């Protein structure tokens, strides 16, 4: 995601945000084999995008998950919560 949306030379960098320390860390993190060091680099890049980035996050979704024998469904999608976000189309009220 960082490479596609936040790297200075990315075509998807729609905010045109350019931050030299971020771009240097991005190159270093891609080459780092030590997982702890790489995680710290990505955490620092996340902080840079939070503090200085060009994106405005309007909302954060908060999904609530629950279960009930009153609901029925077929195979659940392996991706995303709420059955691939198609729960309303694929689930039904079970009859007694």
PDB file of N, CA and C in Angstrom:
ATOM      1  N   UNK A   1       0.819  -1.185   0.000  1.00  0.00           N
ATOM      2  CA  UNK A   1       0.000   0.000   0.000  1.00  0.00           C
ATOM      3  C   UNK A   1       0.867   1.255   0.000  1.00  0.00           C
ATOM      4  N   UNK A   2       1.905   1.246   0.826  1.00  0.00           N
ATOM      5  CA  UNK A   2       2.781   2.419   0.868  1.00  0.00           C
ATOM      6  C   UNK A   2       3.401   2.688  -0.495  1.00  0.00           C
ATOM      7  N   UNK A   3       3.844   1.634  -1.180  1.00  0.00           N
ATOM      8  CA  UNK A   3       4.483   1.808  -2.484  1.00  0.00           C
ATOM      9  C   UNK A   3       3.496   2.351  -3.503  1.00  0.00           C
ATOM     10  N   UNK A   4       2.283   1.832  -3.505  1.00  0.00           N
ATOM     11  CA  UNK A   4       1.305   2.236  -4.511  1.00  0.00           C
ATOM     12  C   UNK A   4       0.681   3.599  -4.244  1.00  0.00           C
ATOM     13  N   UNK A   5       0.435   3.926  -2.987  1.00  0.00           N
ATOM     14  CA  UNK A   5      -0.339   5.135  -2.695  1.00  0.00           C
ATOM     15  C   UNK A   5       0.455   6.305  -2.132  1.00  0.00           C
ATOM     16  N   UNK A   6       1.630   6.042  -1.557  1.00  0.00           N
ATOM     17  CA  UNK A   6       2.336   7.125  -0.875  1.00  0.00           C
ATOM     18  C   UNK A   6       3.742   7.401  -1.386  1.00  0.00           C
ATOM     19  N   UNK A   7       4.330   6.488  -2.148  1.00  0.00           N
ATOM     20  CA  UNK A   7       5.673   6.741  -2.685  1.00  0.00           C
ATOM     21  C   UNK A   7       5.625   7.963  -3.595  1.00  0.00           C
ATOM     22  N   UNK A   8       6.674   8.770  -3.554  1.00  0.00           N
ATOM     23  CA  UNK A   8       6.693  10.038  -4.297  1.00  0.00           C
ATOM     24  C   UNK A   8       6.481   9.843  -5.791  1.00  0.00           C
ATOM     25  N   UNK A   9       7.003   8.751  -6.353  1.00  0.00           N
ATOM     26  CA  UNK A   9       6.919   8.547  -7.805  1.00  0.00           C
ATOM     27  C   UNK A   9       5.750   7.646  -8.220  1.00  0.00           C
ATOM     28  N   UNK A  10       4.871   7.302  -7.291  1.00  0.00           N
ATOM     29  CA  UNK A  10       3.754   6.423  -7.604  1.00  0.00           C
ATOM     30  C   UNK A  10       2.679   7.158  -8.403  1.00  0.00           C
ATOM     31  N   UNK A  11       2.131   6.490  -9.405  1.00  0.00           N
ATOM     32  CA  UNK A  11       1.056   7.104 -10.195  1.00  0.00           C
ATOM     33  C   UNK A  11      -0.246   7.176  -9.393  1.00  0.00           C
ATOM     34  N   UNK A  12      -0.357   6.416  -8.310  1.00  0.00           N
ATOM     35  CA  UNK A  12      -1.554   6.449  -7.474  1.00  0.00           C
ATOM     36  C   UNK A  12      -1.405   7.409  -6.302  1.00  0.00           C
ATOM     37  N   UNK A  13      -0.324   8.150  -6.235  1.00  0.00           N
ATOM     38  CA  UNK A  13      -0.130   9.140  -5.172  1.00  0.00           C
ATOM     39  C   UNK A  13      -0.968  10.363  -5.532  1.00  0.00           C
ATOM     40  N   UNK A  14      -2.275  10.239  -5.321  1.00  0.00           N
ATOM     41  CA  UNK A  14      -3.217  11.260  -5.779  1.00  0.00           C
ATOM     42  C   UNK A  14      -3.140  12.561  -4.992  1.00  0.00           C
ATOM     43  N   UNK A  15      -2.541  12.531  -3.808  1.00  0.00           N
ATOM     44  CA  UNK A  15      -2.391  13.763  -3.036  1.00  0.00           C
ATOM     45  C   UNK A  15      -1.085  14.475  -3.385  1.00  0.00           C
ATOM     46  N   UNK A  16      -0.246  13.810  -4.190  1.00  0.00           N
ATOM     47  CA  UNK A  16       1.065  14.349  -4.592  1.00  0.00           C
ATOM     48  C   UNK A  16       1.955  14.616  -3.383  1.00  0.00           C
ATOM     49  N   UNK A  17       1.753  13.837  -2.321  1.00  0.00           N
ATOM     50  CA  UNK A  17       2.553  13.966  -1.108  1.00  0.00           C
ATOM     51  C   UNK A  17       3.958  13.466  -1.374  1.00  0.00           C
ATOM     52  N   UNK A  18       4.935  14.244  -0.989  1.00  0.00           N
ATOM     53  CA  UNK A  18       6.332  13.858  -1.146  1.00  0.00           C
ATOM     54  C   UNK A  18       7.048  14.120   0.173  1.00  0.00           C
ATOM     55  N   UNK A  19       7.663  13.076   0.700  1.00  0.00           N
ATOM     56  CA  UNK A  19       8.359  13.172   1.975  1.00  0.00           C
ATOM     57  C   UNK A  19       9.648  12.365   1.847  1.00  0.00           C
ATOM     58  N   UNK A  20      10.801  13.019   1.667  1.00  0.00           N
ATOM     59  CA  UNK A  20      12.064  12.298   1.458  1.00  0.00           C
ATOM     60  C   UNK A  20      12.383  11.254   2.532  1.00  0.00           C
ATOM     61  N   UNK A  21      12.236  11.545   3.834  1.00  0.00           N
ATOM     62  CA  UNK A  21      12.509  10.492   4.821  1.00  0.00           C
ATOM     63  C   UNK A  21      11.603   9.267   4.641  1.00  0.00           C
ATOM     64  N   UNK A  22      10.347   9.494   4.284  1.00  0.00           N
ATOM     65  CA  UNK A  22       9.425   8.380   4.042  1.00  0.00           C
ATOM     66  C   UNK A  22       9.919   7.519   2.886  1.00  0.00           C
ATOM     67  N   UNK A  23      10.287   8.157   1.775  1.00  0.00           N
ATOM     68  CA  UNK A  23      10.726   7.408   0.601  1.00  0.00           C
ATOM     69  C   UNK A  23      12.025   6.650   0.849  1.00  0.00           C
ATOM     70  N   UNK A  24      12.935   7.221   1.635  1.00  0.00           N
ATOM     71  CA  UNK A  24      14.171   6.516   1.987  1.00  0.00           C
ATOM     72  C   UNK A  24      13.860   5.291   2.845  1.00  0.00           C
ATOM     73  N   UNK A  25      12.979   5.460   3.824  1.00  0.00           N
ATOM     74  CA  UNK A  25      12.580   4.334   4.674  1.00  0.00           C
ATOM     75  C   UNK A  25      11.893   3.239   3.869  1.00  0.00           C
ATOM     76  N   UNK A  26      11.085   3.626   2.907  1.00  0.00           N
ATOM     77  CA  UNK A  26      10.367   2.655   2.084  1.00  0.00           C
ATOM     78  C   UNK A  26      11.340   1.753   1.330  1.00  0.00           C
ATOM     79  N   UNK A  27      12.357   2.340   0.740  1.00  0.00           N
ATOM     80  CA  UNK A  27      13.365   1.558   0.009  1.00  0.00           C
ATOM     81  C   UNK A  27      14.132   0.659   0.976  1.00  0.00           C
ATOM     82  N   UNK A  28      14.514   1.190   2.120  1.00  0.00           N
ATOM     83  CA  UNK A  28      15.260   0.410   3.109  1.00  0.00           C
ATOM     84  C   UNK A  28      14.417  -0.737   3.667  1.00  0.00           C
ATOM     85  N   UNK A  29      13.152  -0.470   3.944  1.00  0.00           N
ATOM     86  CA  UNK A  29      12.277  -1.490   4.532  1.00  0.00           C
ATOM     87  C   UNK A  29      12.040  -2.643   3.567  1.00  0.00           C
ATOM     88  N   UNK A  30      11.943  -2.354   2.287  1.00  0.00           N
ATOM     89  CA  UNK A  30      11.738  -3.419   1.303  1.00  0.00           C
ATOM     90  C   UNK A  30      12.937  -4.357   1.238  1.00  0.00           C
ATOM     91  N   UNK A  31      14.127  -3.854   1.578  1.00  0.00           N
ATOM     92  CA  UNK A  31      15.347  -4.664   1.514  1.00  0.00           C
ATOM     93  C   UNK A  31      15.704  -5.298   2.860  1.00  0.00           C
ATOM     94  N   UNK A  32      15.078  -4.864   3.929  1.00  0.00           N
ATOM     95  CA  UNK A  32      15.421  -5.349   5.274  1.00  0.00           C
ATOM     96  C   UNK A  32      14.904  -6.766   5.490  1.00  0.00           C
ATOM     97  N   UNK A  33      15.773  -7.672   5.948  1.00  0.00           N
ATOM     98  CA  UNK A  33      15.372  -9.062   6.188  1.00  0.00           C
ATOM     99  C   UNK A  33      15.030  -9.332   7.650  1.00  0.00           C
ATOM    100  N   UNK A  34      15.478  -8.471   8.546  1.00  0.00           N
ATOM    101  CA  UNK A  34      15.158  -8.624   9.964  1.00  0.00           C
ATOM    102  C   UNK A  34      13.727  -8.123  10.195  1.00  0.00           C
ATOM    103  N   UNK A  35      12.843  -9.033  10.616  1.00  0.00           N
ATOM    104  CA  UNK A  35      11.423  -8.679  10.744  1.00  0.00           C
ATOM    105  C   UNK A  35      11.174  -7.571  11.757  1.00  0.00           C
ATOM    106  N   UNK A  36      11.883  -7.580  12.864  1.00  0.00           N
ATOM    107  CA  UNK A  36      11.680  -6.552  13.889  1.00  0.00           C
ATOM    108  C   UNK A  36      12.102  -5.180  13.374  1.00  0.00           C
ATOM    109  N   UNK A  37      13.230  -5.125  12.681  1.00  0.00           N
ATOM    110  CA  UNK A  37      13.691  -3.847  12.120  1.00  0.00           C
ATOM    111  C   UNK A  37      12.724  -3.356  11.048  1.00  0.00           C
ATOM    112  N   UNK A  38      12.268  -4.299  10.196  1.00  0.00           N
ATOM    113  CA  UNK A  38      11.336  -3.930   9.129  1.00  0.00           C
ATOM    114  C   UNK A  38      10.014  -3.427   9.712  1.00  0.00           C
ATOM    115  N   UNK A  39       9.535  -4.089  10.752  1.00  0.00           N
ATOM    116  CA  UNK A  39       8.292  -3.659  11.404  1.00  0.00           C
ATOM    117  C   UNK A  39       8.444  -2.253  11.978  1.00  0.00           C
ATOM    118  N   UNK A  40       9.599  -1.975  12.574  1.00  0.00           N
ATOM    119  CA  UNK A  40       9.840  -0.636  13.126  1.00  0.00           C
ATOM    120  C   UNK A  40       9.873   0.410  12.020  1.00  0.00           C
ATOM    121  N   UNK A  41      10.447   0.050  10.871  1.00  0.00           N
ATOM    122  CA  UNK A  41      10.497   0.984   9.738  1.00  0.00           C
ATOM    123  C   UNK A  41       9.091   1.281   9.228  1.00  0.00           C
ATOM    124  N   UNK A  42       8.273   0.235   9.094  1.00  0.00           N
ATOM    125  CA  UNK A  42       6.903   0.447   8.622  1.00  0.00           C
ATOM    126  C   UNK A  42       6.080   1.232   9.648  1.00  0.00           C
ATOM    127  N   UNK A  43       6.342   1.014  10.925  1.00  0.00           N
ATOM    128  CA  UNK A  43       5.655   1.798  11.956  1.00  0.00           C
ATOM    129  C   UNK A  43       6.031   3.270  11.847  1.00  0.00           C
ATOM    130  N   UNK A  44       7.306   3.534  11.577  1.00  0.00           N
ATOM    131  CA  UNK A  44       7.743   4.924  11.409  1.00  0.00           C
ATOM    132  C   UNK A  44       7.115   5.549  10.163  1.00  0.00           C
ATOM    133  N   UNK A  45       7.019   4.765   9.071  1.00  0.00           N
ATOM    134  CA  UNK A  45       6.369   5.282   7.859  1.00  0.00           C
ATOM    135  C   UNK A  45       4.894   5.566   8.116  1.00  0.00           C
ATOM    136  N   UNK A  46       4.245   4.689   8.892  1.00  0.00           N
ATOM    137  CA  UNK A  46       2.840   4.915   9.228  1.00  0.00           C
ATOM    138  C   UNK A  46       2.683   6.208  10.015  1.00  0.00           C
ATOM    139  N   UNK A  47       3.602   6.452  10.940  1.00  0.00           N
ATOM    140  CA  UNK A  47       3.542   7.682  11.728  1.00  0.00           C
ATOM    141  C   UNK A  47       3.755   8.903  10.836  1.00  0.00           C
ATOM    142  N   UNK A  48       4.675   8.799   9.873  1.00  0.00           N
ATOM    143  CA  UNK A  48       4.909   9.912   8.945  1.00  0.00           C
ATOM    144  C   UNK A  48       3.663  10.215   8.121  1.00  0.00           C
ATOM    145  N   UNK A  49       2.989   9.174   7.628  1.00  0.00           N
ATOM    146  CA  UNK A  49       1.771   9.415   6.846  1.00  0.00           C
ATOM    147  C   UNK A  49       0.675   9.997   7.732  1.00  0.00           C
ATOM    148  N   UNK A  50       0.628   9.573   8.979  1.00  0.00           N
ATOM    149  CA  UNK A  50      -0.362  10.116   9.917  1.00  0.00           C
ATOM    150  C   UNK A  50      -0.108  11.594  10.199  1.00  0.00           C
ATOM    151  N   UNK A  51       1.156  11.930  10.463  1.00  0.00           N
ATOM    152  CA  UNK A  51       1.500  13.298  10.864  1.00  0.00           C
ATOM    153  C   UNK A  51       1.581  14.274   9.699  1.00  0.00           C
ATOM    154  N   UNK A  52       2.038  13.796   8.543  1.00  0.00           N
ATOM    155  CA  UNK A  52       2.372  14.709   7.449  1.00  0.00           C
ATOM    156  C   UNK A  52       1.708  14.339   6.125  1.00  0.00           C
ATOM    157  N   UNK A  53       1.047  13.194   6.051  1.00  0.00           N
ATOM    158  CA  UNK A  53       0.513  12.688   4.785  1.00  0.00           C
ATOM    159  C   UNK A  53      -0.585  13.546   4.190  1.00  0.00           C
ATOM    160  N   UNK A  54      -0.892  13.276   2.931  1.00  0.00           N
ATOM    161  CA  UNK A  54      -1.861  14.077   2.206  1.00  0.00           C
ATOM    162  C   UNK A  54      -3.252  13.490   2.151  1.00  0.00           C
ATOM    163  N   UNK A  55      -3.527  12.435   2.910  1.00  0.00           N
ATOM    164  CA  UNK A  55      -4.845  11.805   2.888  1.00  0.00           C
ATOM    165  C   UNK A  55      -5.685  12.279   4.060  1.00  0.00           C
ATOM    166  N   UNK A  56      -6.965  12.433   3.803  1.00  0.00           N
ATOM    167  CA  UNK A  56      -7.914  12.771   4.857  1.00  0.00           C
ATOM    168  C   UNK A  56      -8.806  11.552   5.056  1.00  0.00           C
ATOM    169  N   UNK A  57      -8.779  10.986   6.240  1.00  0.00           N
ATOM    170  CA  UNK A  57      -9.609   9.833   6.560  1.00  0.00           C
ATOM    171  C   UNK A  57     -10.884  10.358   7.209  1.00  0.00           C
ATOM    172  N   UNK A  58     -11.992  10.216   6.499  1.00  0.00           N
ATOM    173  CA  UNK A  58     -13.255  10.780   6.973  1.00  0.00           C
ATOM    174  C   UNK A  58     -13.908   9.948   8.062  1.00  0.00           C
ATOM    175  N   UNK A  59     -13.837   8.630   7.944  1.00  0.00           N
ATOM    176  CA  UNK A  59     -14.477   7.757   8.923  1.00  0.00           C
ATOM    177  C   UNK A  59     -13.671   6.474   9.073  1.00  0.00           C
ATOM    178  N   UNK A  60     -13.908   5.803  10.171  1.00  0.00           N
ATOM    179  CA  UNK A  60     -13.418   4.451  10.381  1.00  0.00           C
ATOM    180  C   UNK A  60     -14.643   3.589  10.627  1.00  0.00           C
ATOM    181  N   UNK A  61     -14.821   2.535   9.829  1.00  0.00           N
ATOM    182  CA  UNK A  61     -15.960   1.633  10.023  1.00  0.00           C
ATOM    183  C   UNK A  61     -15.766   0.816  11.285  1.00  0.00           C
ATOM    184  N   UNK A  62     -16.855   0.536  11.948  1.00  0.00           N
ATOM    185  CA  UNK A  62     -16.831  -0.291  13.136  1.00  0.00           C
ATOM    186  C   UNK A  62     -17.855  -1.399  12.937  1.00  0.00           C
ATOM    187  N   UNK A  63     -17.399  -2.569  12.541  1.00  0.00           N
ATOM    188  CA  UNK A  63     -18.293  -3.696  12.323  1.00  0.00           C
ATOM    189  C   UNK A  63     -18.520  -4.431  13.638  1.00  0.00           C
ATOM    190  N   UNK A  64     -19.744  -4.833  13.879  1.00  0.00           N
ATOM    191  CA  UNK A  64     -20.072  -5.645  15.038  1.00  0.00           C
ATOM    192  C   UNK A  64     -20.460  -7.017  14.517  1.00  0.00           C
ATOM    193  N   UNK A  65     -19.830  -8.044  15.021  1.00  0.00           N
ATOM    194  CA  UNK A  65     -20.125  -9.407  14.580  1.00  0.00           C
ATOM    195  C   UNK A  65     -20.875 -10.144  15.683  1.00  0.00           C
ATOM    196  N   UNK A  66     -21.863 -10.933  15.274  1.00  0.00           N
ATOM    197  CA  UNK A  66     -22.635 -11.735  16.221  1.00  0.00           C
ATOM    198  C   UNK A  66     -23.137 -12.967  15.486  1.00  0.00           C
ATOM    199  N   UNK A  67     -23.712 -13.896  16.212  1.00  0.00           N
ATOM    200  CA  UNK A  67     -24.279 -15.072  15.567  1.00  0.00           C
ATOM    201  C   UNK A  67     -25.592 -15.444  16.233  1.00  0.00           C
ATOM    202  N   UNK A  68     -26.448 -16.104  15.459  1.00  0.00           N
ATOM    203  CA  UNK A  68     -27.742 -16.530  15.976  1.00  0.00           C
ATOM    204  C   UNK A  68     -28.223 -17.717  15.160  1.00  0.00           C
ATOM    205  N   UNK A  69     -28.877 -18.657  15.820  1.00  0.00           N
ATOM    206  CA  UNK A  69     -29.454 -19.796  15.110  1.00  0.00           C
ATOM    207  C   UNK A  69     -30.679 -19.380  14.304  1.00  0.00           C
ATOM    208  N   UNK A  70     -31.138 -18.147  14.489  1.00  0.00           N
ATOM    209  CA  UNK A  70     -32.278 -17.640  13.734  1.00  0.00           C
ATOM    210  C   UNK A  70     -31.884 -17.234  12.318  1.00  0.00           C
ATOM    211  N   UNK A  71     -30.572 -17.141  12.050  1.00  0.00           N
ATOM    212  CA  UNK A  71     -30.085 -16.796  10.716  1.00  0.00           C
ATOM    213  C   UNK A  71     -29.536 -18.031  10.027  1.00  0.00           C
ATOM    214  N   UNK A  72     -29.718 -18.092   8.714  1.00  0.00           N
ATOM    215  CA  UNK A  72     -29.181 -19.200   7.927  1.00  0.00           C
ATOM    216  C   UNK A  72     -28.422 -18.635   6.736  1.00  0.00           C
ATOM    217  N   UNK A  73     -27.484 -19.437   6.230  1.00  0.00           N
ATOM    218  CA  UNK A  73     -26.681 -19.000   5.081  1.00  0.00           C
ATOM    219  C   UNK A  73     -25.999 -20.202   4.457  1.00  0.00           C
ATOM    220  N   UNK A  74     -25.555 -20.041   3.238  1.00  0.00           N
ATOM    221  CA  UNK A  74     -24.765 -21.065   2.573  1.00  0.00           C
ATOM    222  C   UNK A  74     -23.302 -20.901   2.949  1.00  0.00           C
ATOM    223  N   UNK A  75     -22.412 -21.308   2.046  1.00  0.00           N
ATOM    224  CA  UNK A  75     -20.981 -21.137   2.290  1.00  0.00           C
ATOM    225  C   UNK A  75     -20.661 -19.656   2.429  1.00  0.00           C
ATOM    226  N   UNK A  76     -19.862 -19.336   3.421  1.00  0.00           N
ATOM    227  CA  UNK A  76     -19.483 -17.948   3.676  1.00  0.00           C
ATOM    228  C   UNK A  76     -18.219 -17.627   2.893  1.00  0.00           C
ATOM    229  N   UNK A  77     -18.172 -16.438   2.308  1.00  0.00           N
ATOM    230  CA  UNK A  77     -17.013 -16.010   1.520  1.00  0.00           C
ATOM    231  C   UNK A  77     -15.755 -15.998   2.391  1.00  0.00           C
ATOM    232  N   UNK A  78     -14.611 -16.422   1.841  1.00  0.00           N
ATOM    233  CA  UNK A  78     -13.381 -16.461   2.624  1.00  0.00           C
ATOM    234  C   UNK A  78     -12.748 -15.087   2.825  1.00  0.00           C
ATOM    235  N   UNK A  79     -13.247 -14.099   2.114  1.00  0.00           N
ATOM    236  CA  UNK A  79     -12.661 -12.757   2.228  1.00  0.00           C
ATOM    237  C   UNK A  79     -13.642 -11.814   2.911  1.00  0.00           C
ATOM    238  N   UNK A  80     -13.117 -10.874   3.611  1.00  0.00           N
ATOM    239  CA  UNK A  80     -13.885  -9.811   4.255  1.00  0.00           C
ATOM    240  C   UNK A  80     -14.838 -10.349   5.318  1.00  0.00           C
ATOM    241  N   UNK A  81     -15.216  -9.472   6.172  1.00  0.00           N
ATOM    242  CA  UNK A  81     -16.226  -9.815   7.162  1.00  0.00           C
ATOM    243  C   UNK A  81     -17.599  -9.652   6.518  1.00  0.00           C
ATOM    244  N   UNK A  82     -18.591 -10.099   7.205  1.00  0.00           N
ATOM    245  CA  UNK A  82     -19.975  -9.991   6.724  1.00  0.00           C
ATOM    246  C   UNK A  82     -20.173 -10.680   5.383  1.00  0.00           C
ATOM    247  N   UNK A  83     -19.509 -11.822   5.208  1.00  0.00           N
ATOM    248  CA  UNK A  83     -19.670 -12.650   4.004  1.00  0.00           C
ATOM    249  C   UNK A  83     -19.374 -11.869   2.732  1.00  0.00           C
ATOM    250  N   UNK A  84     -18.193 -11.313   2.663  1.00  0.00           N
ATOM    251  CA  UNK A  84     -17.815 -10.554   1.472  1.00  0.00           C
ATOM    252  C   UNK A  84     -18.639  -9.292   1.306  1.00  0.00           C
ATOM    253  N   UNK A  85     -19.154  -8.768   2.407  1.00  0.00           N
ATOM    254  CA  UNK A  85     -20.037  -7.595   2.404  1.00  0.00           C
ATOM    255  C   UNK A  85     -21.297  -7.840   1.578  1.00  0.00           C
ATOM    256  N   UNK A  86     -21.690  -9.108   1.450  1.00  0.00           N
ATOM    257  CA  UNK A  86     -22.913  -9.468   0.729  1.00  0.00           C
ATOM    258  C   UNK A  86     -23.877 -10.226   1.642  1.00  0.00           C
ATOM    259  N   UNK A  87     -23.727 -10.032   2.929  1.00  0.00           N
ATOM    260  CA  UNK A  87     -24.553 -10.722   3.905  1.00  0.00           C
ATOM    261  C   UNK A  87     -26.044 -10.473   3.665  1.00  0.00           C
ATOM    262  N   UNK A  88     -26.403  -9.244   3.345  1.00  0.00           N
ATOM    263  CA  UNK A  88     -27.819  -8.921   3.138  1.00  0.00           C
ATOM    264  C   UNK A  88     -28.391  -9.664   1.933  1.00  0.00           C
ATOM    265  N   UNK A  89     -27.544 -10.013   0.964  1.00  0.00           N
ATOM    266  CA  UNK A  89     -28.011 -10.719  -0.231  1.00  0.00           C
ATOM    267  C   UNK A  89     -28.020 -12.232  -0.049  1.00  0.00           C
ATOM    268  N   UNK A  90     -27.129 -12.767   0.788  1.00  0.00           N
ATOM    269  CA  UNK A  90     -26.913 -14.214   0.854  1.00  0.00           C
ATOM    270  C   UNK A  90     -27.495 -14.890   2.092  1.00  0.00           C
ATOM    271  N   UNK A  91     -27.917 -14.146   3.093  1.00  0.00           N
ATOM    272  CA  UNK A  91     -28.395 -14.738   4.334  1.00  0.00           C
ATOM    273  C   UNK A  91     -29.907 -14.575   4.440  1.00  0.00           C
ATOM    274  N   UNK A  92     -30.540 -15.419   5.228  1.00  0.00           N
ATOM    275  CA  UNK A  92     -31.984 -15.353   5.369  1.00  0.00           C
ATOM    276  C   UNK A  92     -32.380 -15.759   6.794  1.00  0.00           C
ATOM    277  N   UNK A  93     -33.642 -15.460   7.139  1.00  0.00           N
ATOM    278  CA  UNK A  93     -34.171 -15.841   8.447  1.00  0.00           C
ATOM    279  C   UNK A  93     -34.534 -17.322   8.382  1.00  0.00           C
ATOM    280  N   UNK A  94     -33.998 -18.093   9.296  1.00  0.00           N
ATOM    281  CA  UNK A  94     -34.256 -19.533   9.322  1.00  0.00           C
ATOM    282  C   UNK A  94     -35.658 -19.797   9.859  1.00  0.00           C
ATOM    283  N   UNK A  95     -36.314 -20.789   9.294  1.00  0.00           N
ATOM    284  CA  UNK A  95     -37.642 -21.171   9.795  1.00  0.00           C
ATOM    285  C   UNK A  95     -37.464 -22.191  10.909  1.00  0.00           C
ATOM    286  N   UNK A  96     -38.398 -22.221  11.814  1.00  0.00           N
ATOM    287  CA  UNK A  96     -38.297 -23.106  12.988  1.00  0.00           C
ATOM    288  C   UNK A  96     -38.485 -24.552  12.640  1.00  0.00           C
TER     289      UNK A  96
END
